[in-house]
Amino acid sequence: MLLPFTYARAVQTAFPSLACGVVQIAGISSAPDASVVARPYIDRALERLAHQNEGDFPEVQAWRRAFSFMGLKPTQYRCASEALLRRLRKEGTLPSLHPLVDLCNAISVAFATPIAVFDIEKVEGRLTVRPARGDERYDTFSGTTETPEPREIIFADDAGRAHARRWTNRQSAISAVGPTTTNALIVAEALHSDAQADVTRLVSALCEAVQSVWPTASVEDQDAA
């Protein structure tokens, strides 16, 4: 089966240390409670935060360097995992949104690695991480529409819709997982020195956790092209 996710060569060339794990899930619902499965991962992150600020994590520092390379101020535009870790450090908890999102957020903070979760039925064709042309449509959670800046790295589908802006910074509302989601695409990305090994462990943990919460779901992990 053709994986509905890929990288533009320009991204692979600019970020040669990039490691990515992709998981496709079919047959989920919003009914289960994922909190018991998610809890150990949140506790793992809290234990790490008790000894070190998230901004000092090698995983986060690698994304800060990437954001600086892209011309973004890292403390203004944080990768998703840093933003979650920062919230966890300040509030001691993470918001509950949807069992799959909650589970991915918990694993994201445990590994300090951004994880994007898409309702794959809302994506036209393939998702490609690529520089924006500047004419793509991005739908915010507040209901407004934005246009990414030219050369900004986005997740774009074949219809020219941006499903994430500033790479791992901000996801679109259009493909956000919700109560009617049954099929999802999960993407975990890392840039630090041990990225490949850590992403492999993350994907293994994620697949096991998903199957614990949705025993009848189909779960398949693949390498990104």
Protein backbone atom coordinates (compact mmCIF):
# COMPACT_ATOMS: atom_id res chain seq x y z
CA MET A 1 0.00 0.00 0.00
CA LEU A 2 1.31 3.46 -0.93
CA LEU A 3 2.14 5.41 2.19
CA PRO A 4 0.18 8.72 2.11
CA PHE A 5 3.16 10.66 3.45
CA THR A 6 6.47 11.83 2.05
CA TYR A 7 9.17 14.52 2.21
CA ALA A 8 10.29 16.92 -0.47
CA ARG A 9 13.93 16.46 -1.40
CA ALA A 10 14.64 20.04 -0.31
CA VAL A 11 13.64 19.17 3.27
CA GLN A 12 15.69 15.98 3.33
CA THR A 13 18.72 17.82 1.98
CA ALA A 14 18.45 20.73 4.43
CA PHE A 15 17.94 18.44 7.45
CA PRO A 16 20.00 15.27 6.90
CA SER A 17 19.63 14.14 10.54
CA LEU A 18 15.84 13.98 10.24
CA ALA A 19 14.30 10.73 11.48
CA CYS A 20 10.63 9.98 10.98
CA GLY A 21 8.20 7.31 12.08
CA VAL A 22 4.76 6.92 10.52
CA VAL A 23 1.83 4.91 11.88
CA GLN A 24 -1.48 4.32 10.13
CA ILE A 25 -4.49 3.35 12.24
CA ALA A 26 -7.89 2.17 11.05
CA GLY A 27 -10.93 1.42 13.17
CA ILE A 28 -10.66 3.77 16.14
CA SER A 29 -13.39 5.69 17.98
CA SER A 30 -13.52 8.39 20.63
CA ALA A 31 -15.20 6.10 23.18
CA PRO A 32 -12.25 4.53 25.05
CA ASP A 33 -10.46 6.10 28.00
CA ALA A 34 -6.72 6.30 27.24
CA SER A 35 -5.71 7.92 30.53
CA VAL A 36 -4.42 4.77 32.22
CA VAL A 37 -2.22 3.89 29.25
CA ALA A 38 -1.04 7.51 28.85
CA ARG A 39 -0.21 8.08 32.53
CA PRO A 40 3.21 6.36 32.66
CA TYR A 41 4.42 8.46 29.74
CA ILE A 42 3.31 11.69 31.42
CA ASP A 43 5.01 10.59 34.63
CA ARG A 44 8.20 9.86 32.70
CA ALA A 45 8.16 13.39 31.29
CA LEU A 46 7.47 14.93 34.69
CA GLU A 47 10.40 13.04 36.18
CA ARG A 48 12.70 14.40 33.50
CA LEU A 49 11.33 17.92 33.91
CA ALA A 50 12.04 17.74 37.64
CA HIS A 51 15.74 17.66 36.81
CA GLN A 52 16.00 19.75 33.65
CA ASN A 53 14.07 22.46 31.81
CA GLU A 54 12.62 21.33 28.49
CA GLY A 55 14.64 23.98 26.68
CA ASP A 56 17.80 22.09 27.67
CA PHE A 57 16.65 18.75 26.28
CA PRO A 58 18.81 17.72 23.29
CA GLU A 59 15.66 16.77 21.39
CA VAL A 60 14.21 20.27 21.85
CA GLN A 61 17.49 22.04 21.17
CA ALA A 62 17.73 20.29 17.80
CA TRP A 63 14.31 21.65 16.82
CA ARG A 64 15.25 25.12 18.07
CA ARG A 65 18.26 25.05 15.76
CA ALA A 66 16.03 23.95 12.89
CA PHE A 67 13.56 26.76 13.55
CA SER A 68 16.42 29.28 13.65
CA PHE A 69 17.68 27.88 10.34
CA MET A 70 14.19 28.45 8.91
CA GLY A 71 14.33 32.09 10.04
CA LEU A 72 11.92 31.64 12.96
CA LYS A 73 12.49 32.79 16.52
CA PRO A 74 12.56 29.50 18.50
CA THR A 75 11.04 30.96 21.67
CA GLN A 76 8.18 32.48 19.67
CA TYR A 77 7.48 29.44 17.49
CA ARG A 78 8.03 26.26 19.50
CA CYS A 79 7.85 22.74 18.13
CA ALA A 80 4.81 20.81 19.34
CA SER A 81 6.68 18.68 21.88
CA GLU A 82 8.37 21.70 23.47
CA ALA A 83 5.03 23.49 23.76
CA LEU A 84 3.49 20.44 25.44
CA LEU A 85 6.44 19.99 27.79
CA ARG A 86 6.31 23.65 28.74
CA ARG A 87 2.62 23.36 29.55
CA LEU A 88 3.18 20.17 31.52
CA ARG A 89 5.97 21.79 33.55
CA LYS A 90 3.83 24.81 34.39
CA GLU A 91 0.47 23.10 34.95
CA GLY A 92 1.45 19.57 35.92
CA THR A 93 -1.00 18.06 33.43
CA LEU A 94 -2.06 18.04 29.79
CA PRO A 95 -5.53 18.81 28.43
CA SER A 96 -7.81 15.95 27.42
CA LEU A 97 -8.95 16.34 23.80
CA HIS A 98 -9.52 12.91 22.25
CA PRO A 99 -8.17 9.54 23.43
CA LEU A 100 -5.82 9.19 20.43
CA VAL A 101 -4.57 12.76 20.70
CA ASP A 102 -4.16 12.40 24.47
CA LEU A 103 -2.14 9.23 23.99
CA CYS A 104 0.07 10.80 21.32
CA ASN A 105 0.61 13.91 23.46
CA ALA A 106 1.68 11.76 26.40
CA ILE A 107 4.16 9.81 24.29
CA SER A 108 5.34 13.06 22.70
CA VAL A 109 6.33 14.55 26.07
CA ALA A 110 7.88 11.27 27.21
CA PHE A 111 10.18 11.23 24.18
CA ALA A 112 10.37 15.05 23.79
CA THR A 113 9.51 14.46 20.15
CA PRO A 114 6.81 16.15 18.06
CA ILE A 115 3.95 13.87 17.03
CA ALA A 116 1.34 15.01 14.53
CA VAL A 117 -2.01 13.21 14.32
CA PHE A 118 -4.22 13.60 11.25
CA ASP A 119 -7.70 12.40 10.37
CA ILE A 120 -6.54 10.84 7.11
CA GLU A 121 -10.04 11.01 5.61
CA LYS A 122 -9.71 14.83 5.62
CA VAL A 123 -6.48 14.76 3.59
CA GLU A 124 -6.62 14.89 -0.22
CA GLY A 125 -4.07 12.45 -1.65
CA ARG A 126 -0.65 12.42 -0.02
CA LEU A 127 0.75 14.61 2.71
CA THR A 128 4.11 16.10 1.76
CA VAL A 129 6.43 18.02 4.07
CA ARG A 130 7.71 20.72 1.73
CA PRO A 131 8.44 24.42 1.37
CA ALA A 132 5.24 26.41 0.80
CA ARG A 133 4.60 28.14 -2.50
CA GLY A 134 2.62 30.81 -0.67
CA ASP A 135 -0.78 30.02 -2.20
CA GLU A 136 -1.81 27.14 0.08
CA ARG A 137 -4.86 27.36 2.36
CA TYR A 138 -4.50 26.84 6.10
CA ASP A 139 -7.59 26.67 8.32
CA THR A 140 -7.12 27.72 11.94
CA PHE A 141 -9.01 26.38 14.96
CA SER A 142 -10.60 29.81 15.39
CA GLY A 143 -12.26 29.52 11.98
CA THR A 144 -10.04 31.88 10.01
CA THR A 145 -8.02 31.04 6.92
CA GLU A 146 -4.33 31.83 6.52
CA THR A 147 -1.79 31.56 3.72
CA PRO A 148 1.64 30.21 4.68
CA GLU A 149 4.66 32.32 3.82
CA PRO A 150 6.58 31.26 0.70
CA ARG A 151 9.32 28.71 1.57
CA GLU A 152 7.82 28.09 5.02
CA ILE A 153 7.89 24.33 5.68
CA ILE A 154 4.38 22.91 5.75
CA PHE A 155 2.48 19.62 5.60
CA ALA A 156 0.60 19.99 2.29
CA ASP A 157 -1.84 17.64 0.57
CA ASP A 158 -2.40 17.19 -3.14
CA ALA A 159 -5.20 19.79 -3.12
CA GLY A 160 -2.82 22.48 -1.88
CA ARG A 161 -4.17 22.63 1.65
CA ALA A 162 -1.68 23.14 4.47
CA HIS A 163 -2.36 20.74 7.33
CA ALA A 164 0.46 22.13 9.49
CA ARG A 165 2.37 25.41 9.46
CA ARG A 166 5.99 26.00 10.43
CA TRP A 167 6.64 22.26 10.22
CA THR A 168 5.99 20.93 13.75
CA ASN A 169 4.66 24.17 15.22
CA ARG A 170 0.98 24.45 14.39
CA GLN A 171 -1.57 21.97 13.01
CA SER A 172 -4.63 22.85 10.94
CA ALA A 173 -8.17 22.39 12.16
CA ILE A 174 -9.28 20.76 8.93
CA SER A 175 -7.65 17.38 9.61
CA ALA A 176 -7.66 17.45 13.40
CA VAL A 177 -8.79 14.19 15.00
CA GLY A 178 -12.33 14.46 16.39
CA PRO A 179 -15.36 12.45 17.54
CA THR A 180 -16.08 11.08 14.05
CA THR A 181 -12.50 10.07 13.23
CA THR A 182 -12.04 6.38 12.42
CA ASN A 183 -8.76 6.37 10.46
CA ALA A 184 -5.67 8.33 11.43
CA LEU A 185 -2.12 9.00 10.29
CA ILE A 186 0.48 9.66 12.98
CA VAL A 187 3.87 11.21 12.20
CA ALA A 188 6.73 11.46 14.71
CA GLU A 189 9.84 13.45 13.77
CA ALA A 190 13.18 14.07 15.45
CA LEU A 191 16.47 15.79 14.57
CA HIS A 192 18.80 15.15 17.52
CA SER A 193 21.86 12.89 17.43
CA ASP A 194 20.02 9.75 18.59
CA ALA A 195 16.92 10.55 16.56
CA GLN A 196 16.61 7.33 14.58
CA ALA A 197 16.93 5.03 17.58
CA ASP A 198 14.57 7.14 19.68
CA VAL A 199 11.94 7.35 16.94
CA THR A 200 12.09 3.58 16.51
CA ARG A 201 11.43 3.14 20.23
CA LEU A 202 8.69 5.77 20.13
CA VAL A 203 6.86 4.06 17.27
CA SER A 204 7.05 0.71 19.04
CA ALA A 205 5.63 2.24 22.23
CA LEU A 206 2.93 4.05 20.28
CA CYS A 207 1.77 0.95 18.42
CA GLU A 208 1.60 -1.03 21.65
CA ALA A 209 -0.30 1.75 23.41
CA VAL A 210 -2.80 2.16 20.58
CA GLN A 211 -3.51 -1.55 20.51
CA SER A 212 -4.05 -1.51 24.27
CA VAL A 213 -6.72 1.19 23.93
CA TRP A 214 -8.27 -0.05 20.63
CA PRO A 215 -7.68 -3.83 20.56
CA THR A 216 -9.58 -4.35 17.31
CA ALA A 217 -7.96 -1.47 15.39
CA SER A 218 -5.58 -2.08 12.50
CA VAL A 219 -2.18 -0.56 13.29
CA GLU A 220 0.63 -0.40 10.74
CA ASP A 221 3.97 1.38 11.02
CA GLN A 222 6.04 2.25 7.96
CA ASP A 223 9.08 4.27 6.97
CA ALA A 224 8.49 7.64 5.38
CA ALA A 225 9.58 8.08 1.77
